[in-house]
C-alpha atoms as a PDB file:
ATOM      1  CA  MET A   1       8.289  -5.564  13.916  1.00  0.00           C
ATOM      2  CA  HIS A   2       9.441  -2.431  15.955  1.00  0.00           C
ATOM      3  CA  ALA A   3      12.596  -1.509  15.492  1.00  0.00           C
ATOM      4  CA  SER A   4      14.453  -1.172  18.059  1.00  0.00           C
ATOM      5  CA  ILE A   5      15.356   3.067  18.141  1.00  0.00           C
ATOM      6  CA  ASP A   6      16.017   6.088  20.872  1.00  0.00           C
ATOM      7  CA  LEU A   7      12.683   8.262  22.191  1.00  0.00           C
ATOM      8  CA  THR A   8      14.410  11.355  20.737  1.00  0.00           C
ATOM      9  CA  THR A   9      14.311   9.412  17.261  1.00  0.00           C
ATOM     10  CA  ALA A  10      10.453   7.809  17.751  1.00  0.00           C
ATOM     11  CA  ASP A  11       9.522  10.950  18.921  1.00  0.00           C
ATOM     12  CA  PHE A  12      10.821  13.072  15.491  1.00  0.00           C
ATOM     13  CA  ILE A  13       9.235  10.249  13.785  1.00  0.00           C
ATOM     14  CA  HIS A  14       5.699  10.344  14.987  1.00  0.00           C
ATOM     15  CA  ARG A  15       6.204  14.439  14.490  1.00  0.00           C
ATOM     16  CA  LEU A  16       6.657  14.424  10.775  1.00  0.00           C
ATOM     17  CA  PRO A  17       4.255  14.910   8.510  1.00  0.00           C
ATOM     18  CA  LYS A  18       3.512  11.499   6.783  1.00  0.00           C
ATOM     19  CA  THR A  19       1.508   9.856   4.351  1.00  0.00           C
ATOM     20  CA  GLU A  20       1.147   6.154   3.810  1.00  0.00           C
ATOM     21  CA  THR A  21       0.570   4.858  -0.212  1.00  0.00           C
ATOM     22  CA  HIS A  22       0.328   1.388  -0.196  1.00  0.00           C
ATOM     23  CA  LEU A  23      -2.193  -0.007   1.338  1.00  0.00           C
ATOM     24  CA  HIS A  24      -5.454  -2.806   1.230  1.00  0.00           C
ATOM     25  CA  ILE A  25      -8.090  -1.905   3.072  1.00  0.00           C
ATOM     26  CA  GLU A  26      -8.850  -5.640   3.519  1.00  0.00           C
ATOM     27  CA  GLY A  27      -5.398  -6.595   4.715  1.00  0.00           C
ATOM     28  CA  ALA A  28      -5.465  -3.246   7.265  1.00  0.00           C
ATOM     29  CA  LEU A  29      -8.774  -4.677   9.527  1.00  0.00           C
ATOM     30  CA  PRO A  30      -8.533  -3.994  12.650  1.00  0.00           C
ATOM     31  CA  TYR A  31      -8.466  -6.595  15.270  1.00  0.00           C
ATOM     32  CA  GLN A  32     -10.594  -5.330  18.186  1.00  0.00           C
ATOM     33  CA  LEU A  33     -13.325  -5.812  14.887  1.00  0.00           C
ATOM     34  CA  LEU A  34     -12.686  -9.519  14.748  1.00  0.00           C
ATOM     35  CA  GLN A  35     -12.812  -9.318  18.636  1.00  0.00           C
ATOM     36  CA  LYS A  36     -16.117  -7.771  19.601  1.00  0.00           C
ATOM     37  CA  LEU A  37     -17.344 -10.155  16.338  1.00  0.00           C
ATOM     38  CA  ASP A  38     -15.694 -12.791  18.649  1.00  0.00           C
ATOM     39  CA  PRO A  39     -14.486 -12.121  21.853  1.00  0.00           C
ATOM     40  CA  GLU A  40     -13.231 -15.595  22.603  1.00  0.00           C
ATOM     41  CA  LYS A  41     -11.898 -16.800  19.885  1.00  0.00           C
ATOM     42  CA  PHE A  42      -9.951 -13.491  18.931  1.00  0.00           C
ATOM     43  CA  ASN A  43      -8.706 -13.040  22.504  1.00  0.00           C
ATOM     44  CA  GLN A  44      -5.117 -13.442  21.713  1.00  0.00           C
ATOM     45  CA  PRO A  45      -2.365 -11.333  19.686  1.00  0.00           C
ATOM     46  CA  GLN A  46      -2.003 -13.562  16.308  1.00  0.00           C
ATOM     47  CA  ASP A  47       1.582 -15.211  16.249  1.00  0.00           C
ATOM     48  CA  CYS A  48       2.591 -13.270  12.452  1.00  0.00           C
ATOM     49  CA  TRP A  49       2.758  -9.826  15.063  1.00  0.00           C
ATOM     50  CA  ALA A  50       5.658 -11.434  15.963  1.00  0.00           C
ATOM     51  CA  HIS A  51       8.707  -8.981  15.402  1.00  0.00           C
ATOM     52  CA  ASP A  52      10.675 -12.719  13.783  1.00  0.00           C
ATOM     53  CA  PHE A  53       7.498 -13.630  12.550  1.00  0.00           C
ATOM     54  CA  LYS A  54       8.277 -14.585   8.850  1.00  0.00           C
ATOM     55  CA  TRP A  55       5.067 -16.501   6.948  1.00  0.00           C
ATOM     56  CA  LYS A  56       6.176 -20.020   4.611  1.00  0.00           C
ATOM     57  CA  CYS A  57       5.179 -18.682   1.621  1.00  0.00           C
ATOM     58  CA  PHE A  58       2.416 -16.106  -0.035  1.00  0.00           C
ATOM     59  CA  GLU A  59      -0.512 -18.647   0.105  1.00  0.00           C
ATOM     60  CA  ASP A  60      -0.209 -19.093   3.286  1.00  0.00           C
ATOM     61  CA  PHE A  61      -0.411 -15.852   4.424  1.00  0.00           C
ATOM     62  CA  GLU A  62      -3.193 -14.849   1.730  1.00  0.00           C
ATOM     63  CA  ALA A  63      -4.747 -17.513   2.902  1.00  0.00           C
ATOM     64  CA  HIS A  64      -4.913 -16.362   6.495  1.00  0.00           C
ATOM     65  CA  LEU A  65      -5.503 -12.857   5.359  1.00  0.00           C
ATOM     66  CA  ILE A  66      -8.549 -13.348   3.200  1.00  0.00           C
ATOM     67  CA  ASP A  67     -10.131 -16.217   5.559  1.00  0.00           C
ATOM     68  CA  HIS A  68     -10.599 -13.296   8.640  1.00  0.00           C
ATOM     69  CA  ALA A  69     -11.227 -10.624   6.160  1.00  0.00           C
ATOM     70  CA  VAL A  70     -14.656 -12.185   4.911  1.00  0.00           C
ATOM     71  CA  GLN A  71     -15.811 -12.741   8.598  1.00  0.00           C
ATOM     72  CA  TRP A  72     -15.552  -8.679   9.396  1.00  0.00           C
ATOM     73  CA  PHE A  73     -16.253  -7.344   5.964  1.00  0.00           C
ATOM     74  CA  THR A  74     -20.141  -8.548   4.414  1.00  0.00           C
ATOM     75  CA  THR A  75     -21.520  -5.186   4.338  1.00  0.00           C
ATOM     76  CA  PRO A  76     -20.640  -1.657   2.744  1.00  0.00           C
ATOM     77  CA  GLU A  77     -21.518  -0.906   6.708  1.00  0.00           C
ATOM     78  CA  ARG A  78     -18.594  -2.512   7.571  1.00  0.00           C
ATOM     79  CA  TYR A  79     -16.299  -1.448   5.198  1.00  0.00           C
ATOM     80  CA  HIS A  80     -17.110   2.413   6.720  1.00  0.00           C
ATOM     81  CA  GLU A  81     -16.715   1.215  10.400  1.00  0.00           C
ATOM     82  CA  ALA A  82     -13.103  -0.466   9.460  1.00  0.00           C
ATOM     83  CA  ALA A  83     -12.216   3.090   7.262  1.00  0.00           C
ATOM     84  CA  GLN A  84     -13.393   4.687  10.268  1.00  0.00           C
ATOM     85  CA  VAL A  85     -10.506   3.343  12.315  1.00  0.00           C
ATOM     86  CA  ILE A  86      -8.184   2.799  10.261  1.00  0.00           C
ATOM     87  CA  PHE A  87      -8.080   6.424   9.877  1.00  0.00           C
ATOM     88  CA  ALA A  88      -8.264   7.523  12.843  1.00  0.00           C
ATOM     89  CA  GLY A  89      -5.156   5.129  13.667  1.00  0.00           C
ATOM     90  CA  HIS A  90      -3.593   7.496  10.879  1.00  0.00           C
ATOM     91  CA  LEU A  91      -4.125  10.514  12.365  1.00  0.00           C
ATOM     92  CA  ALA A  92      -2.565   9.204  15.416  1.00  0.00           C
ATOM     93  CA  GLN A  93       0.407   8.352  14.059  1.00  0.00           C
ATOM     94  CA  ASN A  94       0.263  12.361  12.251  1.00  0.00           C
ATOM     95  CA  VAL A  95      -0.543  10.568   8.830  1.00  0.00           C
ATOM     96  CA  ARG A  96      -1.864  13.435   6.447  1.00  0.00           C
ATOM     97  CA  TYR A  97      -2.448  11.453   3.357  1.00  0.00           C
ATOM     98  CA  VAL A  98      -3.907   7.910   1.765  1.00  0.00           C
ATOM     99  CA  GLU A  99      -4.018   6.012  -0.128  1.00  0.00           C
ATOM    100  CA  THR A 100      -5.927   2.731   0.285  1.00  0.00           C
ATOM    101  CA  SER A 101      -7.315  -0.269  -2.125  1.00  0.00           C
ATOM    102  CA  PHE A 102     -10.074  -2.185  -2.190  1.00  0.00           C
ATOM    103  CA  HIS A 103     -10.082  -5.447  -3.711  1.00  0.00           C
ATOM    104  CA  ALA A 104     -12.380  -6.554  -6.480  1.00  0.00           C
ATOM    105  CA  GLY A 105     -12.674  -9.957  -5.813  1.00  0.00           C
ATOM    106  CA  MET A 106     -14.299  -8.307  -3.363  1.00  0.00           C
ATOM    107  CA  ILE A 107     -17.752  -7.523  -5.137  1.00  0.00           C
ATOM    108  CA  GLU A 108     -17.753 -11.172  -6.859  1.00  0.00           C
ATOM    109  CA  PHE A 109     -17.769 -12.790  -3.459  1.00  0.00           C
ATOM    110  CA  LEU A 110     -19.761 -10.152  -1.719  1.00  0.00           C
ATOM    111  CA  GLY A 111     -22.516  -9.406  -4.698  1.00  0.00           C
ATOM    112  CA  ILE A 112     -22.003  -5.732  -3.744  1.00  0.00           C
ATOM    113  CA  PRO A 113     -21.276  -3.203  -5.820  1.00  0.00           C
ATOM    114  CA  GLY A 114     -18.484  -1.947  -6.557  1.00  0.00           C
ATOM    115  CA  PRO A 115     -19.911   1.876  -5.676  1.00  0.00           C
ATOM    116  CA  GLU A 116     -21.001   1.154  -2.486  1.00  0.00           C
ATOM    117  CA  ILE A 117     -17.946   0.058  -0.673  1.00  0.00           C
ATOM    118  CA  LEU A 118     -15.944   2.544  -2.370  1.00  0.00           C
ATOM    119  CA  ASP A 119     -18.401   4.964  -0.745  1.00  0.00           C
ATOM    120  CA  ALA A 120     -18.357   3.725   2.216  1.00  0.00           C
ATOM    121  CA  ILE A 121     -14.968   3.753   2.418  1.00  0.00           C
ATOM    122  CA  ARG A 122     -14.796   7.342   1.294  1.00  0.00           C
ATOM    123  CA  SER A 123     -17.311   8.350   3.830  1.00  0.00           C
ATOM    124  CA  ALA A 124     -15.171   7.545   6.260  1.00  0.00           C
ATOM    125  CA  ALA A 125     -12.682  10.090   6.239  1.00  0.00           C
ATOM    126  CA  PRO A 126     -12.501  12.710   8.794  1.00  0.00           C
ATOM    127  CA  ALA A 127     -12.123  15.886   7.648  1.00  0.00           C
ATOM    128  CA  GLU A 128      -7.964  16.240   8.745  1.00  0.00           C
ATOM    129  CA  LEU A 129      -6.954  13.205   6.209  1.00  0.00           C
ATOM    130  CA  GLU A 130      -7.222  13.217   2.971  1.00  0.00           C
ATOM    131  CA  VAL A 131      -7.934   9.735   0.982  1.00  0.00           C
ATOM    132  CA  ARG A 132      -7.648   8.668  -2.468  1.00  0.00           C
ATOM    133  CA  VAL A 133      -9.004   4.814  -2.851  1.00  0.00           C
ATOM    134  CA  PHE A 134      -8.329   2.029  -5.912  1.00  0.00           C
ATOM    135  CA  MET A 135      -9.300  -0.905  -6.554  1.00  0.00           C
ATOM    136  CA  GLY A 136      -7.155  -3.063  -7.232  1.00  0.00           C
ATOM    137  CA  MET A 137      -7.854  -6.429  -8.898  1.00  0.00           C
ATOM    138  CA  ALA A 138      -5.625  -9.743  -9.754  1.00  0.00           C
ATOM    139  CA  ARG A 139      -3.858 -10.404 -12.943  1.00  0.00           C
ATOM    140  CA  ASN A 140      -6.977 -13.234 -14.291  1.00  0.00           C
ATOM    141  CA  SER A 141      -9.362 -11.013 -12.689  1.00  0.00           C
ATOM    142  CA  TYR A 142     -10.969 -10.539 -16.082  1.00  0.00           C
ATOM    143  CA  ASN A 143     -14.242 -13.126 -15.440  1.00  0.00           C
ATOM    144  CA  GLU A 144     -17.401 -13.286 -16.770  1.00  0.00           C
ATOM    145  CA  THR A 145     -18.854 -11.531 -13.372  1.00  0.00           C
ATOM    146  CA  LEU A 146     -15.690  -8.618 -12.808  1.00  0.00           C
ATOM    147  CA  ALA A 147     -15.090  -8.147 -16.511  1.00  0.00           C
ATOM    148  CA  PRO A 148     -18.144  -5.318 -16.834  1.00  0.00           C
ATOM    149  CA  VAL A 149     -17.493  -4.235 -13.484  1.00  0.00           C
ATOM    150  CA  LEU A 150     -13.660  -3.690 -14.650  1.00  0.00           C
ATOM    151  CA  GLU A 151     -14.863  -1.710 -17.872  1.00  0.00           C
ATOM    152  CA  ASP A 152     -17.093   0.034 -16.235  1.00  0.00           C
ATOM    153  CA  CYS A 153     -14.672   1.272 -13.021  1.00  0.00           C
ATOM    154  CA  VAL A 154     -13.478   3.729 -14.984  1.00  0.00           C
ATOM    155  CA  ASN A 155     -16.592   5.786 -14.561  1.00  0.00           C
ATOM    156  CA  TRP A 156     -17.093   5.773 -11.176  1.00  0.00           C
ATOM    157  CA  ASP A 157     -17.343   8.682  -9.385  1.00  0.00           C
ATOM    158  CA  GLY A 158     -14.613   9.459  -6.772  1.00  0.00           C
ATOM    159  CA  LEU A 159     -12.587   6.627  -7.537  1.00  0.00           C
ATOM    160  CA  ALA A 160      -8.722   7.840  -7.774  1.00  0.00           C
ATOM    161  CA  GLY A 161      -7.198   4.651  -9.802  1.00  0.00           C
ATOM    162  CA  ILE A 162      -6.504   1.114 -10.208  1.00  0.00           C
ATOM    163  CA  ASP A 163      -4.224  -1.146  -8.852  1.00  0.00           C
ATOM    164  CA  LEU A 164      -2.782  -4.896 -10.694  1.00  0.00           C
ATOM    165  CA  HIS A 165      -2.976  -6.946  -7.449  1.00  0.00           C
ATOM    166  CA  GLY A 166      -1.704 -10.296  -6.247  1.00  0.00           C
ATOM    167  CA  VAL A 167       0.307 -13.454  -7.320  1.00  0.00           C
ATOM    168  CA  GLU A 168       2.892 -12.415  -9.868  1.00  0.00           C
ATOM    169  CA  TYR A 169       3.229 -15.713 -11.889  1.00  0.00           C
ATOM    170  CA  LEU A 170       0.227 -15.346 -13.381  1.00  0.00           C
ATOM    171  CA  PRO A 171       0.915 -13.567 -16.610  1.00  0.00           C
ATOM    172  CA  LEU A 172       0.306 -10.495 -17.958  1.00  0.00           C
ATOM    173  CA  GLU A 173      -3.275 -10.973 -19.931  1.00  0.00           C
ATOM    174  CA  GLU A 174      -4.372  -8.660 -23.007  1.00  0.00           C
ATOM    175  CA  TRP A 175      -6.842  -7.046 -20.928  1.00  0.00           C
ATOM    176  CA  THR A 176      -4.921  -5.139 -18.444  1.00  0.00           C
ATOM    177  CA  PRO A 177      -2.464  -2.766 -20.933  1.00  0.00           C
ATOM    178  CA  LYS A 178      -5.841  -1.638 -22.148  1.00  0.00           C
ATOM    179  CA  LEU A 179      -8.042  -1.443 -19.076  1.00  0.00           C
ATOM    180  CA  TRP A 180      -4.701   0.869 -18.135  1.00  0.00           C
ATOM    181  CA  ALA A 181      -4.676   2.760 -20.403  1.00  0.00           C
ATOM    182  CA  LYS A 182      -8.225   3.691 -20.521  1.00  0.00           C
ATOM    183  CA  ALA A 183      -8.224   4.444 -17.069  1.00  0.00           C
ATOM    184  CA  ARG A 184      -5.411   7.141 -18.238  1.00  0.00           C
ATOM    185  CA  ASP A 185      -7.321   8.480 -20.835  1.00  0.00           C
ATOM    186  CA  ALA A 186     -10.494   8.967 -17.939  1.00  0.00           C
ATOM    187  CA  GLY A 187      -8.176  10.980 -15.812  1.00  0.00           C
ATOM    188  CA  LEU A 188      -6.946   7.876 -12.980  1.00  0.00           C
ATOM    189  CA  VAL A 189      -3.955   7.369 -11.971  1.00  0.00           C
ATOM    190  CA  THR A 190      -2.832   3.624 -12.525  1.00  0.00           C
ATOM    191  CA  LYS A 191      -0.468   1.825 -10.175  1.00  0.00           C
ATOM    192  CA  ALA A 192       0.950  -1.639 -10.552  1.00  0.00           C
ATOM    193  CA  HIS A 193       2.109  -4.657  -8.045  1.00  0.00           C
ATOM    194  CA  ALA A 194       5.780  -6.071  -9.316  1.00  0.00           C
ATOM    195  CA  GLY A 195       8.955  -6.915  -8.461  1.00  0.00           C
ATOM    196  CA  GLU A 196       8.039  -7.996  -5.445  1.00  0.00           C
ATOM    197  CA  PHE A 197       7.587 -12.162  -5.804  1.00  0.00           C
ATOM    198  CA  GLY A 198       8.424 -11.262  -9.070  1.00  0.00           C
ATOM    199  CA  PRO A 199      11.840 -10.333 -11.152  1.00  0.00           C
ATOM    200  CA  ALA A 200      13.089  -7.104 -12.317  1.00  0.00           C
ATOM    201  CA  ALA A 201      11.256  -8.011 -15.897  1.00  0.00           C
ATOM    202  CA  HIS A 202       8.335  -7.313 -14.261  1.00  0.00           C
ATOM    203  CA  VAL A 203       8.898  -3.733 -13.485  1.00  0.00           C
ATOM    204  CA  ARG A 204       9.620  -3.445 -16.451  1.00  0.00           C
ATOM    205  CA  GLU A 205       6.770  -4.680 -17.865  1.00  0.00           C
ATOM    206  CA  ALA A 206       4.251  -2.426 -16.052  1.00  0.00           C
ATOM    207  CA  ILE A 207       6.527   0.820 -16.699  1.00  0.00           C
ATOM    208  CA  GLU A 208       6.566  -0.075 -20.742  1.00  0.00           C
ATOM    209  CA  VAL A 209       3.250  -1.846 -21.062  1.00  0.00           C
ATOM    210  CA  LEU A 210       0.946  -0.713 -18.325  1.00  0.00           C
ATOM    211  CA  GLY A 211       2.276   2.599 -19.083  1.00  0.00           C
ATOM    212  CA  THR A 212       2.136   3.326 -14.691  1.00  0.00           C
ATOM    213  CA  ARG A 213       4.714   4.877 -12.909  1.00  0.00           C
ATOM    214  CA  ARG A 214       3.790   4.119  -9.356  1.00  0.00           C
ATOM    215  CA  ILE A 215       5.048   0.812  -8.658  1.00  0.00           C
ATOM    216  CA  GLN A 216       3.864  -1.358  -5.653  1.00  0.00           C
ATOM    217  CA  HIS A 217       6.971  -2.978  -3.783  1.00  0.00           C
ATOM    218  CA  GLY A 218       8.885  -3.178  -7.154  1.00  0.00           C
ATOM    219  CA  ILE A 219      12.105  -4.070  -4.793  1.00  0.00           C
ATOM    220  CA  ARG A 220      13.440  -6.691  -6.952  1.00  0.00           C
ATOM    221  CA  ALA A 221      13.860  -4.083  -9.529  1.00  0.00           C
ATOM    222  CA  ILE A 222      17.524  -4.327  -7.875  1.00  0.00           C
ATOM    223  CA  GLU A 223      18.821  -7.161  -9.823  1.00  0.00           C
ATOM    224  CA  ASP A 224      18.686  -5.780 -13.018  1.00  0.00           C
ATOM    225  CA  THR A 225      20.711  -2.105 -13.401  1.00  0.00           C
ATOM    226  CA  SER A 226      18.966  -1.137 -16.209  1.00  0.00           C
ATOM    227  CA  VAL A 227      15.565  -1.455 -15.044  1.00  0.00           C
ATOM    228  CA  VAL A 228      16.536   0.682 -12.111  1.00  0.00           C
ATOM    229  CA  GLU A 229      18.064   3.140 -14.488  1.00  0.00           C
ATOM    230  CA  LEU A 230      14.173   2.875 -16.277  1.00  0.00           C
ATOM    231  CA  ALA A 231      12.077   3.498 -13.715  1.00  0.00           C
ATOM    232  CA  ILE A 232      14.464   6.774 -12.406  1.00  0.00           C
ATOM    233  CA  GLU A 233      14.284   8.009 -15.969  1.00  0.00           C
ATOM    234  CA  SER A 234      10.768   7.294 -16.248  1.00  0.00           C
ATOM    235  CA  GLY A 235      10.088   9.048 -13.020  1.00  0.00           C
ATOM    236  CA  ALA A 236       8.803   6.245 -11.262  1.00  0.00           C
ATOM    237  CA  THR A 237       7.558   5.880  -7.308  1.00  0.00           C
ATOM    238  CA  PHE A 238       8.009   2.633  -5.404  1.00  0.00           C
ATOM    239  CA  ASP A 239       5.397   2.923  -2.722  1.00  0.00           C
ATOM    240  CA  ILE A 240       7.702   0.179  -0.960  1.00  0.00           C
ATOM    241  CA  CYS A 241       6.701  -1.827   2.462  1.00  0.00           C
ATOM    242  CA  PRO A 242       9.715  -3.201   4.023  1.00  0.00           C
ATOM    243  CA  ILE A 243       8.356  -4.821   7.256  1.00  0.00           C
ATOM    244  CA  SER A 244       5.673  -6.623   4.258  1.00  0.00           C
ATOM    245  CA  ASN A 245       9.045  -7.295   2.858  1.00  0.00           C
ATOM    246  CA  VAL A 246      10.678  -9.013   5.367  1.00  0.00           C
ATOM    247  CA  LYS A 247       7.669 -11.315   7.011  1.00  0.00           C
ATOM    248  CA  LEU A 248       6.475 -12.597   3.519  1.00  0.00           C
ATOM    249  CA  ASP A 249      11.002 -13.338   2.426  1.00  0.00           C
ATOM    250  CA  VAL A 250      11.262 -11.481   0.029  1.00  0.00           C
ATOM    251  CA  VAL A 251      13.994  -9.820   2.105  1.00  0.00           C
ATOM    252  CA  ASP A 252      16.265 -12.181   4.327  1.00  0.00           C
ATOM    253  CA  ARG A 253      16.787  -9.304   6.893  1.00  0.00           C
ATOM    254  CA  LEU A 254      15.623  -5.943   7.208  1.00  0.00           C
ATOM    255  CA  GLU A 255      19.340  -4.768   6.871  1.00  0.00           C
ATOM    256  CA  ASP A 256      19.531  -6.070   3.107  1.00  0.00           C
ATOM    257  CA  HIS A 257      16.920  -4.309   1.919  1.00  0.00           C
ATOM    258  CA  PRO A 258      16.956  -2.775  -1.648  1.00  0.00           C
ATOM    259  CA  ILE A 259      15.044   0.696   0.111  1.00  0.00           C
ATOM    260  CA  ARG A 260      18.634   1.965   1.372  1.00  0.00           C
ATOM    261  CA  GLN A 261      20.161   1.456  -2.468  1.00  0.00           C
ATOM    262  CA  LEU A 262      17.440   2.332  -4.565  1.00  0.00           C
ATOM    263  CA  PHE A 263      16.921   5.666  -2.372  1.00  0.00           C
ATOM    264  CA  ASP A 264      20.581   6.472  -3.152  1.00  0.00           C
ATOM    265  CA  ARG A 265      20.531   5.926  -6.576  1.00  0.00           C
ATOM    266  CA  GLY A 266      17.920   8.594  -6.468  1.00  0.00           C
ATOM    267  CA  LEU A 267      14.450   7.069  -7.388  1.00  0.00           C
ATOM    268  CA  ARG A 268      11.401   7.515  -5.611  1.00  0.00           C
ATOM    269  CA  CYS A 269      10.477   5.838  -2.725  1.00  0.00           C
ATOM    270  CA  THR A 270       7.812   5.709  -0.308  1.00  0.00           C
ATOM    271  CA  VAL A 271       7.116   3.620   2.625  1.00  0.00           C
ATOM    272  CA  SER A 272       4.222   2.173   3.784  1.00  0.00           C
ATOM    273  CA  THR A 273       2.450  -0.732   5.828  1.00  0.00           C
ATOM    274  CA  ASP A 274       1.197  -3.207   3.088  1.00  0.00           C
ATOM    275  CA  ASP A 275      -1.185  -5.429   5.211  1.00  0.00           C
ATOM    276  CA  PRO A 276      -0.963  -4.229   8.722  1.00  0.00           C
ATOM    277  CA  PHE A 277      -3.267  -7.256   9.733  1.00  0.00           C
ATOM    278  CA  SER A 278      -1.056  -9.584   8.883  1.00  0.00           C
ATOM    279  CA  PHE A 279       2.261  -7.882   9.761  1.00  0.00           C
ATOM    280  CA  GLY A 280       1.545  -5.914  12.964  1.00  0.00           C
ATOM    281  CA  ASN A 281       3.172  -3.333  11.920  1.00  0.00           C
ATOM    282  CA  THR A 282       2.660   0.741  11.588  1.00  0.00           C
ATOM    283  CA  VAL A 283       3.616   3.715   9.619  1.00  0.00           C
ATOM    284  CA  GLU A 284       5.432   4.632  12.391  1.00  0.00           C
ATOM    285  CA  ASP A 285       7.172   1.315  12.481  1.00  0.00           C
ATOM    286  CA  GLU A 286       8.307   1.744   9.056  1.00  0.00           C
ATOM    287  CA  TYR A 287      10.006   4.218   9.373  1.00  0.00           C
ATOM    288  CA  ALA A 288      11.488   3.220  12.521  1.00  0.00           C
ATOM    289  CA  ALA A 289      12.745   0.235  10.576  1.00  0.00           C
ATOM    290  CA  LEU A 290      14.330   2.419   8.069  1.00  0.00           C
ATOM    291  CA  SER A 291      16.565   4.414  10.467  1.00  0.00           C
ATOM    292  CA  ALA A 292      17.341   1.083  13.306  1.00  0.00           C
ATOM    293  CA  GLY A 293      17.880  -1.361  10.477  1.00  0.00           C
ATOM    294  CA  LEU A 294      19.207   1.142   7.398  1.00  0.00           C
ATOM    295  CA  ASN A 295      19.982   3.773   9.013  1.00  0.00           C
ATOM    296  CA  PHE A 296      18.697   6.604   7.083  1.00  0.00           C
ATOM    297  CA  THR A 297      18.738   9.700   8.714  1.00  0.00           C
ATOM    298  CA  ASN A 298      16.583  12.008  10.310  1.00  0.00           C
ATOM    299  CA  GLU A 299      17.132  14.642   6.766  1.00  0.00           C
ATOM    300  CA  GLU A 300      16.578  11.080   4.959  1.00  0.00           C
ATOM    301  CA  LEU A 301      13.400  10.210   6.562  1.00  0.00           C
ATOM    302  CA  LYS A 302      12.055  13.673   5.502  1.00  0.00           C
ATOM    303  CA  GLN A 303      13.188  13.018   1.957  1.00  0.00           C
ATOM    304  CA  ILE A 304      10.747   9.929   1.707  1.00  0.00           C
ATOM    305  CA  ALA A 305       8.084  11.604   3.656  1.00  0.00           C
ATOM    306  CA  LYS A 306       8.417  14.622   1.157  1.00  0.00           C
ATOM    307  CA  ASN A 307       8.086  11.795  -1.188  1.00  0.00           C
ATOM    308  CA  GLY A 308       4.762  10.347  -0.932  1.00  0.00           C
ATOM    309  CA  PHE A 309       3.112  14.156  -0.891  1.00  0.00           C
ATOM    310  CA  GLU A 310       5.543  14.750  -3.962  1.00  0.00           C
ATOM    311  CA  VAL A 311       2.976  11.991  -5.392  1.00  0.00           C
ATOM    312  CA  ALA A 312       0.057  12.683  -3.979  1.00  0.00           C
ATOM    313  CA  LEU A 313      -3.432  13.232  -5.953  1.00  0.00           C
ATOM    314  CA  VAL A 314      -3.868  17.086  -4.138  1.00  0.00           C
ATOM    315  CA  ASP A 315      -3.643  20.210  -5.340  1.00  0.00           C
ATOM    316  CA  GLU A 316      -0.633  22.008  -6.027  1.00  0.00           C
ATOM    317  CA  ALA A 317      -1.026  25.018  -2.707  1.00  0.00           C
ATOM    318  CA  THR A 318      -1.503  21.683  -0.451  1.00  0.00           C
ATOM    319  CA  ARG A 319       1.037  19.885  -1.250  1.00  0.00           C
ATOM    320  CA  ALA A 320       3.733  22.493  -0.699  1.00  0.00           C
ATOM    321  CA  LYS A 321       2.191  23.180   2.667  1.00  0.00           C
ATOM    322  CA  TRP A 322       2.535  19.634   3.668  1.00  0.00           C
ATOM    323  CA  ILE A 323       6.155  19.348   2.163  1.00  0.00           C
ATOM    324  CA  ALA A 324       6.912  22.790   4.220  1.00  0.00           C
ATOM    325  CA  GLU A 325       5.279  21.190   7.019  1.00  0.00           C
ATOM    326  CA  VAL A 326       7.774  18.232   6.739  1.00  0.00           C
ATOM    327  CA  ASP A 327      10.659  20.846   6.425  1.00  0.00           C
ATOM    328  CA  ALA A 328      10.396  22.502   9.538  1.00  0.00           C
ATOM    329  CA  VAL A 329      10.555  18.952  11.734  1.00  0.00           C
ATOM    330  CA  ARG A 330      13.920  19.194  13.987  1.00  0.00           C
END
């Protein structure tokens, strides 16, 4: 989805120092790597990259993503190679800071130790880009194989935090709040996908039961004023992916996206791509969507960028430097 903006706005967006705080590494698989594996099979652009494409349901989207991801992500070296391409794409868009997650299910599926995947991604980060890696897990991931992994991950060197992924219709299980508290006690940051396909009550649950202040998506909080107020009062940040929300039909049209109202209410929002393999989007496309579809001014786009730097897991001097650079863009 490439929003129609003038060249001046496009140039402004490009020059703006930016963050990406909601990115699934498997869902960011560079298509050129699949083309390298099988040039004939992957010789055409994907239909899902069309600006007006919509996935029929989350399950179709997930099946498509997994079917392709498992063709590439088979070793730590493959994670490293993909991450190198992904991070180079960030630098080309003047992105300075990235938070990305890999899925715990891949540890089970591939039989690769989680720390090896973590190190493969982290070691791919170029010097000019600050990268923080999270491990995501589904609401039903606590099985015989993964339970010990999930309990141990809080001790992994270099893991920034954990994130709750996947379908929201599964109930929150007893292990989850305990693990989220354990992670925070170990100094990790906790996130949760909530309020995407699930109701506003899931955002409340993420804040009050899981204790997280980093909500991935969160947009259906708009359906309950008290939940929006709770999010603002608790200092929560919504890491929102507008193009993903439209293509997955959580929101019918970009022009109706709740980020406009949430931002206007004073909730801290960031924008990211989510799973660009399945949406054909870039970070710059997300900013263009806010500008063209939701009438965000350049000053408001600067605030979106600063919001990302405000929650970045960096020292205060680095944060202040980046925010000053955003303020200097004209």
